[in-house]
């Protein structure tokens, strides 16, 4: 059976995420701008790139290569249409991170926003280890007291199958898994959403010990 993300249309995903009542596409765009600028890195990798939200913030004078990874080839095709100006700097790969992490190239910075929820801590740690990044910046969703982790919207049923692969996120559990592979937490920042949820950005650096 296909991964649920292979069957969700990009229009449904982006229309849902950009609703005023959800406001995640806009919030993550601002976060990604900071993620690209906060580290001295010439190579970066975005795990779970979807339709390329935030790629307009890539400065080609700074980055020699930015790898975009997603399980949905259709999403990657849309990125190619949207961002031809990035040229050879943007390098897209279609693969399943739960089974094919060994195919990942090396990069100094890993960005993973709303990705760990769908592959789990261990698969994420394996991907980071394969990439050998100096820095990892990820965003997880904290649901607070809201029972439904997918926000109400006209597009809600597009995401019905995600329950099959969704993992509830706990910041301490993520930190613990990253500690095991030699990464230490350097910073945290939270962005509130309209429905009582928040996006928590957690940044890690490879330990020099």
N, C-alpha and C. Protein backbone atom coordinates (compact mmCIF):
# COMPACT_ATOMS: atom_id res chain seq x y z
N UNK A 1 0.84 -1.20 0.00
CA UNK A 1 0.00 0.00 0.00
C UNK A 1 0.87 1.26 0.00
N UNK A 2 0.45 2.25 -0.77
CA UNK A 2 1.23 3.48 -0.86
C UNK A 2 1.22 4.24 0.45
N UNK A 3 2.30 5.00 0.67
CA UNK A 3 2.33 5.93 1.78
C UNK A 3 1.23 6.97 1.57
N UNK A 4 0.49 7.35 2.62
CA UNK A 4 -0.60 8.33 2.46
C UNK A 4 -0.16 9.63 1.78
N UNK A 5 1.08 10.04 2.02
CA UNK A 5 1.55 11.29 1.42
C UNK A 5 1.68 11.21 -0.09
N UNK A 6 1.74 10.02 -0.64
CA UNK A 6 1.79 9.87 -2.09
C UNK A 6 0.44 10.11 -2.74
N UNK A 7 -0.63 10.13 -1.93
CA UNK A 7 -1.99 10.24 -2.46
C UNK A 7 -2.67 11.56 -2.12
N UNK A 8 -2.01 12.42 -1.36
CA UNK A 8 -2.59 13.72 -0.99
C UNK A 8 -2.20 14.75 -2.04
N UNK A 9 -3.20 15.39 -2.63
CA UNK A 9 -2.89 16.39 -3.66
C UNK A 9 -2.24 17.61 -3.01
N UNK A 10 -1.31 18.20 -3.74
CA UNK A 10 -0.61 19.38 -3.22
C UNK A 10 -1.58 20.54 -3.02
N UNK A 11 -2.56 20.67 -3.91
CA UNK A 11 -3.55 21.74 -3.76
C UNK A 11 -4.31 21.60 -2.44
N UNK A 12 -4.76 20.37 -2.14
CA UNK A 12 -5.49 20.17 -0.88
C UNK A 12 -4.59 20.50 0.31
N UNK A 13 -3.35 20.04 0.27
CA UNK A 13 -2.42 20.28 1.37
C UNK A 13 -2.17 21.77 1.56
N UNK A 14 -1.81 22.46 0.49
CA UNK A 14 -1.45 23.88 0.63
C UNK A 14 -2.68 24.74 0.93
N UNK A 15 -3.83 24.42 0.35
CA UNK A 15 -5.04 25.19 0.64
C UNK A 15 -5.43 25.04 2.11
N UNK A 16 -5.30 23.83 2.63
CA UNK A 16 -5.58 23.59 4.05
C UNK A 16 -4.61 24.36 4.94
N UNK A 17 -3.33 24.22 4.65
CA UNK A 17 -2.30 24.82 5.51
C UNK A 17 -2.32 26.35 5.50
N UNK A 18 -2.85 26.94 4.42
CA UNK A 18 -2.83 28.41 4.30
C UNK A 18 -4.12 29.08 4.78
N UNK A 19 -5.12 28.29 5.17
CA UNK A 19 -6.35 28.89 5.70
C UNK A 19 -6.04 29.80 6.89
N UNK A 20 -6.79 30.88 7.03
CA UNK A 20 -6.58 31.78 8.17
C UNK A 20 -6.73 31.05 9.50
N UNK A 21 -7.59 30.05 9.53
CA UNK A 21 -7.84 29.31 10.77
C UNK A 21 -6.74 28.30 11.08
N UNK A 22 -5.85 28.06 10.13
CA UNK A 22 -4.74 27.12 10.31
C UNK A 22 -3.41 27.88 10.35
N UNK A 23 -3.16 28.68 9.32
CA UNK A 23 -2.02 29.62 9.27
C UNK A 23 -0.66 28.94 9.41
N UNK A 24 -0.55 27.70 8.95
CA UNK A 24 0.73 27.01 9.10
C UNK A 24 1.67 27.28 7.92
N UNK A 25 1.13 27.41 6.71
CA UNK A 25 1.99 27.65 5.56
C UNK A 25 2.72 28.98 5.72
N UNK A 26 1.99 30.00 6.15
CA UNK A 26 2.58 31.32 6.34
C UNK A 26 3.61 31.32 7.48
N UNK A 27 3.26 30.65 8.57
CA UNK A 27 4.16 30.60 9.73
C UNK A 27 5.45 29.86 9.38
N UNK A 28 5.32 28.73 8.69
CA UNK A 28 6.51 27.96 8.33
C UNK A 28 7.37 28.68 7.31
N UNK A 29 6.75 29.49 6.46
CA UNK A 29 7.53 30.26 5.50
C UNK A 29 8.47 31.22 6.22
N UNK A 30 7.95 31.90 7.24
CA UNK A 30 8.78 32.82 8.02
C UNK A 30 9.87 32.08 8.78
N UNK A 31 9.53 30.90 9.31
CA UNK A 31 10.51 30.11 10.03
C UNK A 31 11.63 29.66 9.09
N UNK A 32 11.27 29.23 7.89
CA UNK A 32 12.29 28.76 6.95
C UNK A 32 13.24 29.86 6.53
N UNK A 33 12.74 31.08 6.41
CA UNK A 33 13.63 32.20 6.08
C UNK A 33 14.74 32.30 7.12
N UNK A 34 14.37 32.19 8.39
CA UNK A 34 15.37 32.24 9.46
C UNK A 34 16.27 31.01 9.44
N UNK A 35 15.70 29.84 9.18
CA UNK A 35 16.50 28.61 9.16
C UNK A 35 17.62 28.69 8.12
N UNK A 36 17.31 29.23 6.96
CA UNK A 36 18.31 29.34 5.90
C UNK A 36 19.43 30.32 6.26
N UNK A 37 19.11 31.30 7.11
CA UNK A 37 20.07 32.37 7.39
C UNK A 37 20.85 32.18 8.68
N UNK A 38 20.36 31.33 9.57
CA UNK A 38 20.92 31.28 10.93
C UNK A 38 22.26 30.56 11.05
N UNK A 39 22.67 29.84 10.00
CA UNK A 39 23.89 29.04 10.12
C UNK A 39 24.84 29.31 8.96
N UNK A 40 26.13 29.20 9.28
CA UNK A 40 27.15 29.30 8.25
C UNK A 40 27.25 27.93 7.56
N UNK A 41 26.47 27.77 6.53
CA UNK A 41 26.43 26.50 5.80
C UNK A 41 26.33 26.79 4.31
N UNK A 42 27.02 25.97 3.53
CA UNK A 42 26.96 26.11 2.07
C UNK A 42 26.11 25.02 1.44
N UNK A 43 25.78 23.99 2.23
CA UNK A 43 24.91 22.93 1.73
C UNK A 43 23.82 22.68 2.76
N UNK A 44 22.61 22.47 2.28
CA UNK A 44 21.47 22.23 3.16
C UNK A 44 20.60 21.13 2.56
N UNK A 45 19.83 20.49 3.42
CA UNK A 45 18.89 19.46 2.99
C UNK A 45 17.56 19.69 3.67
N UNK A 46 16.49 19.72 2.88
CA UNK A 46 15.14 19.87 3.41
C UNK A 46 14.44 18.52 3.30
N UNK A 47 14.12 17.94 4.43
CA UNK A 47 13.45 16.65 4.46
C UNK A 47 11.94 16.88 4.53
N UNK A 48 11.19 16.34 3.59
CA UNK A 48 9.76 16.59 3.51
C UNK A 48 9.50 17.96 2.94
N UNK A 49 9.95 18.19 1.71
CA UNK A 49 9.93 19.53 1.12
C UNK A 49 8.56 19.93 0.58
N UNK A 50 7.67 18.96 0.36
CA UNK A 50 6.31 19.20 -0.16
C UNK A 50 6.37 20.06 -1.43
N UNK A 51 5.66 21.20 -1.43
CA UNK A 51 5.63 22.03 -2.63
C UNK A 51 6.67 23.12 -2.69
N UNK A 52 7.60 23.09 -1.73
CA UNK A 52 8.69 24.06 -1.77
C UNK A 52 8.41 25.37 -1.06
N UNK A 53 7.43 25.38 -0.16
CA UNK A 53 7.17 26.59 0.61
C UNK A 53 8.45 27.07 1.29
N UNK A 54 8.82 28.35 1.07
CA UNK A 54 10.00 28.93 1.70
C UNK A 54 11.25 28.91 0.84
N UNK A 55 11.22 28.23 -0.30
CA UNK A 55 12.44 28.14 -1.11
C UNK A 55 12.84 29.49 -1.71
N UNK A 56 11.90 30.42 -1.76
CA UNK A 56 12.25 31.76 -2.29
C UNK A 56 13.26 32.46 -1.41
N UNK A 57 13.47 31.96 -0.19
CA UNK A 57 14.43 32.59 0.73
C UNK A 57 15.86 32.06 0.56
N UNK A 58 16.06 31.12 -0.34
CA UNK A 58 17.41 30.60 -0.57
C UNK A 58 18.23 31.63 -1.33
N UNK A 59 19.36 31.99 -0.77
CA UNK A 59 20.29 32.89 -1.46
C UNK A 59 21.34 32.04 -2.19
N UNK A 60 21.31 32.11 -3.50
CA UNK A 60 22.22 31.27 -4.29
C UNK A 60 23.68 31.72 -4.15
N UNK A 61 23.89 32.92 -3.66
CA UNK A 61 25.27 33.34 -3.40
C UNK A 61 25.81 32.72 -2.11
N UNK A 62 24.91 32.22 -1.26
CA UNK A 62 25.31 31.57 -0.01
C UNK A 62 25.41 30.06 -0.18
N UNK A 63 24.41 29.48 -0.82
CA UNK A 63 24.32 28.02 -0.89
C UNK A 63 24.83 27.47 -2.23
N UNK A 64 25.70 26.49 -2.13
CA UNK A 64 26.17 25.78 -3.32
C UNK A 64 25.20 24.68 -3.72
N UNK A 65 24.54 24.06 -2.73
CA UNK A 65 23.58 22.99 -3.00
C UNK A 65 22.54 22.95 -1.89
N UNK A 66 21.28 22.84 -2.30
CA UNK A 66 20.17 22.61 -1.37
C UNK A 66 19.41 21.40 -1.89
N UNK A 67 19.40 20.33 -1.10
CA UNK A 67 18.73 19.09 -1.49
C UNK A 67 17.30 19.12 -0.95
N UNK A 68 16.36 18.77 -1.80
CA UNK A 68 14.97 18.69 -1.39
C UNK A 68 14.49 17.25 -1.49
N UNK A 69 14.03 16.70 -0.39
CA UNK A 69 13.64 15.29 -0.33
C UNK A 69 12.14 15.17 -0.06
N UNK A 70 11.46 14.35 -0.85
CA UNK A 70 10.06 14.07 -0.57
C UNK A 70 9.68 12.72 -1.15
N UNK A 71 8.63 12.14 -0.60
CA UNK A 71 8.17 10.83 -1.06
C UNK A 71 7.23 10.95 -2.26
N UNK A 72 6.73 12.17 -2.51
CA UNK A 72 5.75 12.39 -3.57
C UNK A 72 6.42 13.07 -4.78
N UNK A 73 6.56 12.31 -5.86
CA UNK A 73 7.21 12.84 -7.06
C UNK A 73 6.43 14.01 -7.66
N UNK A 74 5.12 13.98 -7.53
CA UNK A 74 4.30 15.09 -8.03
C UNK A 74 4.62 16.41 -7.35
N UNK A 75 4.90 16.34 -6.04
CA UNK A 75 5.30 17.56 -5.33
C UNK A 75 6.60 18.11 -5.91
N UNK A 76 7.54 17.23 -6.18
CA UNK A 76 8.84 17.67 -6.70
C UNK A 76 8.70 18.27 -8.09
N UNK A 77 7.81 17.72 -8.90
CA UNK A 77 7.56 18.29 -10.23
C UNK A 77 7.04 19.71 -10.11
N UNK A 78 6.16 19.94 -9.16
CA UNK A 78 5.63 21.30 -8.95
C UNK A 78 6.73 22.25 -8.50
N UNK A 79 7.65 21.77 -7.68
CA UNK A 79 8.77 22.62 -7.26
C UNK A 79 9.61 23.03 -8.47
N UNK A 80 9.85 22.08 -9.37
CA UNK A 80 10.64 22.40 -10.57
C UNK A 80 9.97 23.50 -11.39
N UNK A 81 8.64 23.47 -11.44
CA UNK A 81 7.91 24.52 -12.17
C UNK A 81 8.00 25.86 -11.45
N UNK A 82 7.97 25.82 -10.13
CA UNK A 82 7.88 27.05 -9.35
C UNK A 82 9.23 27.76 -9.17
N UNK A 83 10.32 27.00 -9.13
CA UNK A 83 11.60 27.60 -8.74
C UNK A 83 12.72 27.34 -9.77
N UNK A 84 12.47 27.63 -11.04
CA UNK A 84 13.55 27.43 -12.03
C UNK A 84 14.74 28.34 -11.78
N UNK A 85 14.49 29.46 -11.08
CA UNK A 85 15.57 30.42 -10.83
C UNK A 85 16.65 29.88 -9.91
N UNK A 86 16.37 28.79 -9.21
CA UNK A 86 17.38 28.21 -8.31
C UNK A 86 18.37 27.33 -9.06
N UNK A 87 18.04 26.99 -10.30
CA UNK A 87 18.99 26.30 -11.17
C UNK A 87 19.56 25.04 -10.55
N UNK A 88 20.88 24.89 -10.69
CA UNK A 88 21.56 23.69 -10.22
C UNK A 88 21.78 23.66 -8.71
N UNK A 89 21.47 24.78 -8.03
CA UNK A 89 21.60 24.80 -6.57
C UNK A 89 20.58 23.85 -5.93
N UNK A 90 19.37 23.81 -6.49
CA UNK A 90 18.31 22.97 -5.94
C UNK A 90 18.36 21.58 -6.57
N UNK A 91 18.50 20.58 -5.73
CA UNK A 91 18.64 19.19 -6.19
C UNK A 91 17.59 18.33 -5.50
N UNK A 92 16.64 17.84 -6.27
CA UNK A 92 15.48 17.16 -5.72
C UNK A 92 15.62 15.65 -5.83
N UNK A 93 15.18 14.96 -4.78
CA UNK A 93 15.23 13.49 -4.74
C UNK A 93 13.92 12.95 -4.19
N UNK A 94 13.35 11.98 -4.89
CA UNK A 94 12.14 11.31 -4.42
C UNK A 94 12.54 10.02 -3.73
N UNK A 95 12.31 9.95 -2.42
CA UNK A 95 12.60 8.71 -1.69
C UNK A 95 11.82 8.64 -0.40
N UNK A 96 11.70 7.43 0.11
CA UNK A 96 10.99 7.15 1.35
C UNK A 96 12.02 7.09 2.48
N UNK A 97 11.96 8.06 3.37
CA UNK A 97 12.96 8.17 4.43
C UNK A 97 12.90 7.02 5.42
N UNK A 98 11.80 6.30 5.47
CA UNK A 98 11.71 5.16 6.39
C UNK A 98 12.41 3.93 5.83
N UNK A 99 12.73 3.94 4.53
CA UNK A 99 13.35 2.75 3.92
C UNK A 99 14.62 3.06 3.13
N UNK A 100 14.80 4.33 2.74
CA UNK A 100 15.86 4.65 1.80
C UNK A 100 16.80 5.75 2.29
N UNK A 101 16.92 5.91 3.60
CA UNK A 101 17.78 6.96 4.14
C UNK A 101 19.23 6.80 3.70
N UNK A 102 19.63 5.57 3.38
CA UNK A 102 21.02 5.35 2.96
C UNK A 102 21.35 5.98 1.62
N UNK A 103 20.35 6.47 0.91
CA UNK A 103 20.57 7.14 -0.37
C UNK A 103 20.84 8.64 -0.22
N UNK A 104 20.67 9.15 0.98
CA UNK A 104 20.80 10.60 1.19
C UNK A 104 22.26 11.04 1.04
N UNK A 105 22.49 12.17 0.35
CA UNK A 105 23.84 12.73 0.28
C UNK A 105 24.20 13.48 1.56
N UNK A 106 25.41 13.99 1.61
CA UNK A 106 25.87 14.74 2.78
C UNK A 106 25.46 16.21 2.65
N UNK A 107 25.22 16.85 3.80
CA UNK A 107 24.92 18.28 3.84
C UNK A 107 25.25 18.81 5.23
N UNK A 108 25.56 20.09 5.30
CA UNK A 108 25.94 20.70 6.57
C UNK A 108 24.74 21.02 7.47
N UNK A 109 23.60 21.32 6.84
CA UNK A 109 22.41 21.74 7.57
C UNK A 109 21.23 20.88 7.13
N UNK A 110 20.49 20.34 8.08
CA UNK A 110 19.24 19.64 7.80
C UNK A 110 18.09 20.47 8.33
N UNK A 111 17.09 20.68 7.49
CA UNK A 111 15.84 21.35 7.87
C UNK A 111 14.71 20.34 7.72
N UNK A 112 13.94 20.15 8.78
CA UNK A 112 12.85 19.17 8.74
C UNK A 112 11.65 19.75 9.48
N UNK A 113 10.71 20.30 8.74
CA UNK A 113 9.55 20.95 9.35
C UNK A 113 8.30 20.11 9.16
N UNK A 114 7.68 19.73 10.26
CA UNK A 114 6.49 18.86 10.25
C UNK A 114 6.77 17.59 9.46
N UNK A 115 7.92 17.00 9.73
CA UNK A 115 8.36 15.79 9.05
C UNK A 115 8.50 14.62 10.04
N UNK A 116 9.06 14.92 11.20
CA UNK A 116 9.33 13.86 12.18
C UNK A 116 8.03 13.15 12.58
N UNK A 117 6.93 13.90 12.58
CA UNK A 117 5.62 13.33 12.92
C UNK A 117 5.26 12.13 12.05
N UNK A 118 5.78 12.12 10.81
CA UNK A 118 5.32 11.12 9.84
C UNK A 118 6.33 10.01 9.57
N UNK A 119 7.51 10.10 10.15
CA UNK A 119 8.47 9.01 9.98
C UNK A 119 8.95 8.45 11.32
N UNK A 120 8.72 9.20 12.41
CA UNK A 120 9.13 8.74 13.73
C UNK A 120 10.54 9.18 14.10
N UNK A 121 10.83 9.16 15.38
CA UNK A 121 12.12 9.64 15.88
C UNK A 121 13.29 8.83 15.33
N UNK A 122 13.17 7.52 15.33
CA UNK A 122 14.30 6.67 14.96
C UNK A 122 14.67 6.84 13.49
N UNK A 123 13.66 6.86 12.62
CA UNK A 123 13.94 7.05 11.19
C UNK A 123 14.55 8.42 10.94
N UNK A 124 14.09 9.42 11.70
CA UNK A 124 14.66 10.76 11.56
C UNK A 124 16.12 10.76 11.98
N UNK A 125 16.41 10.13 13.10
CA UNK A 125 17.79 10.06 13.59
C UNK A 125 18.69 9.33 12.58
N UNK A 126 18.17 8.29 11.98
CA UNK A 126 18.96 7.56 10.97
C UNK A 126 19.25 8.44 9.76
N UNK A 127 18.26 9.23 9.35
CA UNK A 127 18.46 10.13 8.21
C UNK A 127 19.52 11.19 8.54
N UNK A 128 19.42 11.77 9.73
CA UNK A 128 20.39 12.80 10.14
C UNK A 128 21.80 12.21 10.20
N UNK A 129 21.92 11.00 10.73
CA UNK A 129 23.22 10.34 10.81
C UNK A 129 23.81 10.12 9.42
N UNK A 130 22.96 9.69 8.49
CA UNK A 130 23.43 9.48 7.12
C UNK A 130 23.92 10.78 6.48
N UNK A 131 23.21 11.86 6.72
CA UNK A 131 23.56 13.16 6.12
C UNK A 131 24.82 13.73 6.76
N UNK A 132 25.04 13.43 8.04
CA UNK A 132 26.22 13.92 8.71
C UNK A 132 26.24 15.42 8.94
N UNK A 133 25.06 15.99 9.19
CA UNK A 133 24.94 17.45 9.30
C UNK A 133 25.61 18.00 10.55
N UNK A 134 26.12 19.23 10.43
CA UNK A 134 26.62 19.94 11.61
C UNK A 134 25.45 20.49 12.42
N UNK A 135 24.40 20.90 11.71
CA UNK A 135 23.26 21.55 12.34
C UNK A 135 21.96 20.90 11.86
N UNK A 136 21.00 20.83 12.77
CA UNK A 136 19.67 20.31 12.43
C UNK A 136 18.64 21.28 13.00
N UNK A 137 17.76 21.75 12.14
CA UNK A 137 16.69 22.64 12.59
C UNK A 137 15.36 22.01 12.20
N UNK A 138 14.53 21.71 13.19
CA UNK A 138 13.27 21.04 12.88
C UNK A 138 12.11 21.72 13.58
N UNK A 139 10.95 21.56 13.00
CA UNK A 139 9.72 22.09 13.57
C UNK A 139 8.76 20.94 13.82
N UNK A 140 8.24 20.88 15.03
CA UNK A 140 7.21 19.89 15.36
C UNK A 140 5.95 20.63 15.82
N UNK A 141 4.83 19.98 15.67
CA UNK A 141 3.56 20.59 16.08
C UNK A 141 3.21 20.13 17.49
N UNK A 142 2.93 21.09 18.33
CA UNK A 142 2.47 20.81 19.70
C UNK A 142 0.97 21.11 19.73
N UNK A 143 0.17 20.10 20.05
CA UNK A 143 -1.27 20.23 19.91
C UNK A 143 -1.95 20.85 21.12
N UNK A 144 -1.26 20.94 22.23
CA UNK A 144 -1.88 21.51 23.42
C UNK A 144 -3.06 20.65 23.87
N UNK A 145 -4.18 21.26 24.12
CA UNK A 145 -5.35 20.51 24.59
C UNK A 145 -6.28 20.12 23.45
N UNK A 146 -5.88 20.43 22.24
CA UNK A 146 -6.70 20.08 21.08
C UNK A 146 -6.60 18.60 20.80
N UNK A 147 -7.75 17.94 20.69
CA UNK A 147 -7.74 16.50 20.47
C UNK A 147 -7.35 16.14 19.04
N UNK A 148 -7.82 16.91 18.09
CA UNK A 148 -7.56 16.61 16.68
C UNK A 148 -6.26 17.26 16.24
N UNK A 149 -5.30 16.45 15.82
CA UNK A 149 -4.01 17.01 15.42
C UNK A 149 -4.06 17.61 14.02
N UNK A 150 -5.07 17.21 13.21
CA UNK A 150 -5.32 17.89 11.94
C UNK A 150 -6.42 18.91 12.17
N UNK A 151 -6.16 20.15 11.85
CA UNK A 151 -7.13 21.21 12.12
C UNK A 151 -8.36 21.08 11.24
N UNK A 152 -9.49 21.54 11.78
CA UNK A 152 -10.73 21.52 11.01
C UNK A 152 -10.60 22.40 9.77
N UNK A 153 -11.08 21.88 8.65
CA UNK A 153 -11.07 22.66 7.41
C UNK A 153 -11.89 21.92 6.36
N UNK A 154 -12.25 22.59 5.26
CA UNK A 154 -12.98 21.92 4.20
C UNK A 154 -12.17 20.79 3.54
N UNK A 155 -10.86 20.78 3.80
CA UNK A 155 -9.98 19.79 3.17
C UNK A 155 -9.64 18.63 4.11
N UNK A 156 -10.31 18.58 5.24
CA UNK A 156 -9.92 17.65 6.30
C UNK A 156 -9.82 16.20 5.83
N UNK A 157 -10.78 15.77 5.00
CA UNK A 157 -10.81 14.35 4.64
C UNK A 157 -9.70 13.96 3.67
N UNK A 158 -9.00 14.93 3.12
CA UNK A 158 -7.84 14.61 2.28
C UNK A 158 -6.75 13.94 3.12
N UNK A 159 -6.82 14.14 4.43
CA UNK A 159 -5.75 13.67 5.32
C UNK A 159 -6.16 12.46 6.16
N UNK A 160 -7.27 11.82 5.80
CA UNK A 160 -7.80 10.73 6.63
C UNK A 160 -6.79 9.62 6.88
N UNK A 161 -6.00 9.25 5.88
CA UNK A 161 -5.09 8.12 6.03
C UNK A 161 -3.83 8.45 6.83
N UNK A 162 -3.61 9.72 7.13
CA UNK A 162 -2.38 10.07 7.86
C UNK A 162 -2.34 9.47 9.25
N UNK A 163 -3.50 9.12 9.79
CA UNK A 163 -3.51 8.44 11.09
C UNK A 163 -2.67 7.17 11.08
N UNK A 164 -2.52 6.57 9.89
CA UNK A 164 -1.76 5.32 9.77
C UNK A 164 -0.28 5.50 10.09
N UNK A 165 0.22 6.70 9.85
CA UNK A 165 1.67 6.91 10.00
C UNK A 165 2.03 8.02 10.99
N UNK A 166 1.02 8.68 11.56
CA UNK A 166 1.30 9.82 12.42
C UNK A 166 1.83 9.39 13.78
N UNK A 167 2.84 10.12 14.27
CA UNK A 167 3.41 9.91 15.60
C UNK A 167 3.19 11.19 16.42
N UNK A 168 2.65 11.04 17.60
CA UNK A 168 2.49 12.20 18.48
C UNK A 168 3.86 12.69 18.93
N UNK A 169 4.10 13.99 18.85
CA UNK A 169 5.43 14.53 19.14
C UNK A 169 5.55 15.01 20.58
N UNK A 170 6.69 14.69 21.17
CA UNK A 170 7.07 15.19 22.49
C UNK A 170 8.48 15.75 22.38
N UNK A 171 8.66 16.98 22.76
CA UNK A 171 9.97 17.61 22.56
C UNK A 171 11.09 16.88 23.31
N UNK A 172 10.79 16.39 24.53
CA UNK A 172 11.83 15.70 25.29
C UNK A 172 12.25 14.39 24.63
N UNK A 173 11.28 13.71 24.03
CA UNK A 173 11.60 12.45 23.34
C UNK A 173 12.46 12.71 22.11
N UNK A 174 12.15 13.77 21.39
CA UNK A 174 12.95 14.13 20.22
C UNK A 174 14.37 14.49 20.65
N UNK A 175 14.49 15.30 21.69
CA UNK A 175 15.82 15.66 22.19
C UNK A 175 16.61 14.43 22.62
N UNK A 176 15.94 13.51 23.29
CA UNK A 176 16.61 12.30 23.75
C UNK A 176 17.15 11.48 22.59
N UNK A 177 16.35 11.36 21.54
CA UNK A 177 16.79 10.58 20.37
C UNK A 177 17.97 11.26 19.68
N UNK A 178 17.94 12.59 19.63
CA UNK A 178 19.04 13.32 19.00
C UNK A 178 20.30 13.24 19.84
N UNK A 179 20.15 13.26 21.15
CA UNK A 179 21.30 13.10 22.05
C UNK A 179 22.02 11.79 21.80
N UNK A 180 21.24 10.74 21.54
CA UNK A 180 21.81 9.42 21.30
C UNK A 180 22.75 9.39 20.10
N UNK A 181 22.48 10.24 19.11
CA UNK A 181 23.33 10.25 17.92
C UNK A 181 24.32 11.41 17.92
N UNK A 182 24.47 12.05 19.09
CA UNK A 182 25.53 13.03 19.23
C UNK A 182 25.16 14.47 18.94
N UNK A 183 23.87 14.80 19.05
CA UNK A 183 23.44 16.19 18.82
C UNK A 183 22.88 16.77 20.10
N UNK A 184 23.18 18.04 20.34
CA UNK A 184 22.70 18.73 21.53
C UNK A 184 21.80 19.89 21.12
N UNK A 185 20.77 20.12 21.93
CA UNK A 185 19.84 21.21 21.65
C UNK A 185 20.52 22.55 21.88
N UNK A 186 20.38 23.44 20.89
CA UNK A 186 20.99 24.76 20.98
C UNK A 186 19.96 25.87 21.20
N UNK A 187 18.75 25.66 20.71
CA UNK A 187 17.74 26.71 20.87
C UNK A 187 16.35 26.15 20.61
N UNK A 188 15.36 26.85 21.17
CA UNK A 188 13.96 26.52 20.94
C UNK A 188 13.18 27.82 20.78
N UNK A 189 12.19 27.79 19.92
CA UNK A 189 11.30 28.95 19.79
C UNK A 189 9.94 28.45 19.33
N UNK A 190 8.90 29.05 19.88
CA UNK A 190 7.54 28.61 19.58
C UNK A 190 6.77 29.69 18.82
N UNK A 191 5.96 29.25 17.87
CA UNK A 191 5.08 30.14 17.12
C UNK A 191 3.65 29.68 17.35
N UNK A 192 2.81 30.57 17.90
CA UNK A 192 1.43 30.21 18.19
C UNK A 192 0.59 30.21 16.92
N UNK A 193 -0.38 29.29 16.88
CA UNK A 193 -1.30 29.19 15.75
C UNK A 193 -2.71 29.59 16.21
N UNK A 194 -3.60 29.88 15.27
CA UNK A 194 -4.92 30.41 15.65
C UNK A 194 -5.77 29.44 16.46
N UNK A 195 -5.53 28.15 16.34
CA UNK A 195 -6.43 27.16 16.94
C UNK A 195 -5.89 26.55 18.24
N UNK A 196 -5.00 27.25 18.91
CA UNK A 196 -4.49 26.77 20.19
C UNK A 196 -3.29 25.87 20.08
N UNK A 197 -2.91 25.52 18.87
CA UNK A 197 -1.70 24.72 18.67
C UNK A 197 -0.51 25.65 18.53
N UNK A 198 0.68 25.07 18.48
CA UNK A 198 1.86 25.88 18.22
C UNK A 198 2.87 25.06 17.45
N UNK A 199 3.71 25.76 16.71
CA UNK A 199 4.84 25.14 16.03
C UNK A 199 6.08 25.42 16.86
N UNK A 200 6.76 24.35 17.25
CA UNK A 200 7.96 24.48 18.07
C UNK A 200 9.18 24.19 17.21
N UNK A 201 10.02 25.18 17.04
CA UNK A 201 11.29 24.99 16.33
C UNK A 201 12.36 24.61 17.34
N UNK A 202 13.03 23.50 17.08
CA UNK A 202 14.13 23.03 17.93
C UNK A 202 15.36 22.87 17.07
N UNK A 203 16.46 23.52 17.45
CA UNK A 203 17.70 23.44 16.68
C UNK A 203 18.75 22.68 17.47
N UNK A 204 19.48 21.83 16.74
CA UNK A 204 20.53 21.00 17.33
C UNK A 204 21.85 21.25 16.61
N UNK A 205 22.93 21.02 17.33
CA UNK A 205 24.27 21.07 16.74
C UNK A 205 25.00 19.78 17.09
N UNK A 206 25.83 19.34 16.18
CA UNK A 206 26.63 18.15 16.41
C UNK A 206 27.59 18.42 17.55
N UNK A 207 27.61 17.54 18.52
CA UNK A 207 28.49 17.72 19.67
C UNK A 207 29.95 17.55 19.24
N UNK A 208 30.81 18.40 19.78
CA UNK A 208 32.24 18.32 19.45
C UNK A 208 33.00 17.46 20.44
N UNK A 209 32.31 16.94 21.45
CA UNK A 209 32.98 16.10 22.47
C UNK A 209 33.29 14.71 21.91
